[in-house]
Amino acid sequence: MTAAFAAYLAALLAAHTVGDHWIQTHTQALCKGKPGWAGRLACLRHVATYTATTALLGLLVWQVLDLHLSWLGFLAGQVLSATTHYLADRRVHLERFARWLGKGDFLKLGVPRSGVDRDGRPYDDNPSLGTAGYALDQSFHHLCLFVAALVTVLLSGGA
């Protein structure tokens, strides 16, 4: 079962990157952390397409490599992945957790600073993915995918 775990985890990690960066729409990315129903719905839409991506790649590797998985394990892993992805992408929960762990100052690294230049034109000095918040988000997702793959294999009879 160690090979099944490794193969399935690799599929989930690949699907994660595709789902988070290629499949997610710009609107979902901008709105999923906003308060209220607009943010919740944007996040739900993202998690739906993200989960479709992890399910598709998970099913593909399961079938092509003839992994010894079960539907119970597969579904439990997908539900765990979707739930934790939603909670993290609503942002407030992950930010609170990071601050609770003493990562409040780290969260500030790379955050864009907006203002106006000498001529009164607005600017944003860091329009990039390179923020500490993004690093914490991605590492949390990877941890959750590790657990989801483990749950999938263990509930499928692996030990």
Protein backbone atom coordinates (compact mmCIF):
# COMPACT_ATOMS: atom_id res chain seq x y z
CA MET A 1 0.00 0.00 0.00
CA THR A 2 2.96 2.35 0.28
CA ALA A 3 3.10 2.55 -3.54
CA ALA A 4 -0.63 3.32 -3.64
CA PHE A 5 -0.14 6.11 -1.10
CA ALA A 6 2.79 7.60 -3.02
CA ALA A 7 1.01 7.45 -6.38
CA TYR A 8 -2.25 8.81 -5.01
CA LEU A 9 -0.53 11.63 -3.11
CA ALA A 10 1.37 12.61 -6.27
CA ALA A 11 -1.94 12.78 -8.15
CA LEU A 12 -3.52 14.96 -5.45
CA LEU A 13 -0.55 17.33 -5.35
CA ALA A 14 -0.57 17.71 -9.15
CA ALA A 15 -4.34 18.24 -9.12
CA HIS A 16 -3.99 20.80 -6.35
CA THR A 17 -1.62 22.95 -8.37
CA VAL A 18 -3.80 22.71 -11.48
CA GLY A 19 -7.03 23.36 -9.55
CA ASP A 20 -5.64 26.29 -7.59
CA HIS A 21 -3.83 28.04 -10.44
CA TRP A 22 -5.28 26.96 -13.79
CA ILE A 23 -8.90 26.03 -13.06
CA GLN A 24 -9.76 28.66 -10.45
CA THR A 25 -11.18 31.79 -12.07
CA HIS A 26 -9.82 35.25 -11.42
CA THR A 27 -13.14 36.24 -9.84
CA GLN A 28 -13.05 33.25 -7.49
CA ALA A 29 -9.47 34.09 -6.48
CA LEU A 30 -10.36 37.71 -5.77
CA CYS A 31 -13.67 37.08 -3.98
CA LYS A 32 -13.34 33.77 -2.06
CA GLY A 33 -11.92 35.45 1.03
CA LYS A 34 -14.44 38.29 1.17
CA PRO A 35 -16.94 38.39 4.04
CA GLY A 36 -20.56 37.42 3.58
CA TRP A 37 -22.37 35.33 1.02
CA ALA A 38 -20.46 36.70 -1.97
CA GLY A 39 -17.22 35.35 -0.50
CA ARG A 40 -18.76 32.07 0.61
CA LEU A 41 -20.28 31.41 -2.82
CA ALA A 42 -17.07 32.32 -4.66
CA CYS A 43 -15.17 29.95 -2.38
CA LEU A 44 -17.75 27.18 -2.87
CA ARG A 45 -17.49 27.56 -6.65
CA HIS A 46 -13.70 27.33 -6.44
CA VAL A 47 -13.81 24.30 -4.14
CA ALA A 48 -16.30 22.59 -6.48
CA THR A 49 -13.99 22.92 -9.49
CA TYR A 50 -10.92 22.18 -7.36
CA THR A 51 -12.54 18.99 -6.03
CA ALA A 52 -13.58 17.97 -9.54
CA THR A 53 -9.92 18.31 -10.52
CA THR A 54 -8.61 16.27 -7.57
CA ALA A 55 -11.30 13.65 -8.15
CA LEU A 56 -10.52 13.39 -11.87
CA LEU A 57 -6.77 12.98 -11.38
CA GLY A 58 -7.34 10.70 -8.38
CA LEU A 59 -9.65 8.46 -10.42
CA LEU A 60 -7.21 8.50 -13.32
CA VAL A 61 -4.25 7.30 -11.26
CA TRP A 62 -6.47 4.80 -9.42
CA GLN A 63 -7.60 3.20 -12.69
CA VAL A 64 -4.46 3.51 -14.81
CA LEU A 65 -2.15 2.19 -12.09
CA ASP A 66 -4.74 -0.30 -10.81
CA LEU A 67 -4.38 0.94 -7.23
CA HIS A 68 -6.11 -1.03 -4.51
CA LEU A 69 -8.44 1.72 -3.32
CA SER A 70 -12.09 1.69 -2.31
CA TRP A 71 -14.96 4.05 -2.98
CA LEU A 72 -15.24 4.67 0.76
CA GLY A 73 -11.60 5.69 0.97
CA PHE A 74 -11.79 7.76 -2.20
CA LEU A 75 -14.91 9.66 -1.10
CA ALA A 76 -13.65 10.20 2.46
CA GLY A 77 -10.38 11.63 1.15
CA GLN A 78 -12.21 13.91 -1.29
CA VAL A 79 -14.56 15.21 1.42
CA LEU A 80 -11.62 15.87 3.75
CA SER A 81 -9.74 17.68 0.99
CA ALA A 82 -12.74 19.79 -0.05
CA THR A 83 -13.64 20.74 3.52
CA THR A 84 -10.13 21.77 4.53
CA HIS A 85 -9.63 23.60 1.24
CA TYR A 86 -12.79 25.64 1.82
CA LEU A 87 -11.79 26.51 5.39
CA ALA A 88 -8.31 27.60 4.34
CA ASP A 89 -9.46 29.57 1.31
CA ARG A 90 -11.96 31.59 3.30
CA ARG A 91 -8.68 32.99 4.69
CA VAL A 92 -9.89 34.15 8.09
CA HIS A 93 -9.51 30.70 9.66
CA LEU A 94 -5.98 30.15 8.38
CA GLU A 95 -4.93 33.68 9.34
CA ARG A 96 -6.30 33.23 12.87
CA PHE A 97 -4.50 29.90 13.18
CA ALA A 98 -1.24 31.45 11.94
CA ARG A 99 -1.53 34.30 14.44
CA TRP A 100 -2.33 31.83 17.23
CA LEU A 101 0.90 30.00 16.35
CA GLY A 102 2.83 33.27 16.56
CA LYS A 103 3.12 33.78 12.79
CA GLY A 104 1.49 37.24 12.74
CA ASP A 105 4.67 39.06 11.75
CA PHE A 106 5.46 36.41 9.14
CA LEU A 107 2.03 36.96 7.56
CA LYS A 108 3.06 40.54 6.74
CA LEU A 109 5.97 39.46 4.52
CA GLY A 110 5.44 40.29 0.89
CA VAL A 111 2.06 41.96 1.40
CA PRO A 112 1.60 44.67 -1.25
CA ARG A 113 1.91 48.22 -0.04
CA SER A 114 -0.27 50.56 -1.99
CA GLY A 115 -0.07 54.31 -2.06
CA VAL A 116 0.57 57.15 -4.46
CA ASP A 117 3.81 58.18 -6.12
CA ARG A 118 5.21 61.72 -6.33
CA ASP A 119 2.92 62.48 -9.25
CA GLY A 120 -0.18 61.30 -7.39
CA ARG A 121 -0.54 58.06 -9.36
CA PRO A 122 -1.60 54.97 -7.39
CA TYR A 123 0.84 52.07 -7.18
CA ASP A 124 1.15 48.60 -5.74
CA ASP A 125 4.77 47.66 -5.03
CA ASN A 126 4.34 43.88 -4.99
CA PRO A 127 1.81 42.48 -7.43
CA SER A 128 2.99 38.88 -7.03
CA LEU A 129 2.26 35.50 -5.47
CA GLY A 130 5.30 35.85 -3.22
CA THR A 131 3.63 36.47 0.13
CA ALA A 132 3.98 34.66 3.44
CA GLY A 133 0.20 34.20 3.50
CA TYR A 134 0.38 32.37 0.18
CA ALA A 135 3.24 30.17 1.45
CA LEU A 136 1.26 29.27 4.58
CA ASP A 137 -1.87 28.61 2.47
CA GLN A 138 -0.04 26.27 0.11
CA SER A 139 1.80 24.40 2.87
CA PHE A 140 -1.49 23.92 4.74
CA HIS A 141 -3.13 22.54 1.57
CA HIS A 142 -0.20 20.15 1.07
CA LEU A 143 -0.51 18.90 4.66
CA CYS A 144 -4.25 18.34 4.18
CA LEU A 145 -3.66 16.49 0.90
CA PHE A 146 -1.12 14.27 2.66
CA VAL A 147 -3.74 13.41 5.29
CA ALA A 148 -6.44 12.95 2.61
CA ALA A 149 -4.22 10.51 0.69
CA LEU A 150 -3.44 8.65 3.91
CA VAL A 151 -7.15 8.43 4.81
CA THR A 152 -7.96 7.25 1.27
CA VAL A 153 -5.43 4.42 1.44
CA LEU A 154 -6.14 3.41 5.04
CA LEU A 155 -9.91 3.29 4.53
CA SER A 156 -9.28 1.22 1.41
CA GLY A 157 -7.68 -1.51 3.51
CA GLY A 158 -4.08 -0.36 3.36
CA ALA A 159 -1.81 -0.49 6.37
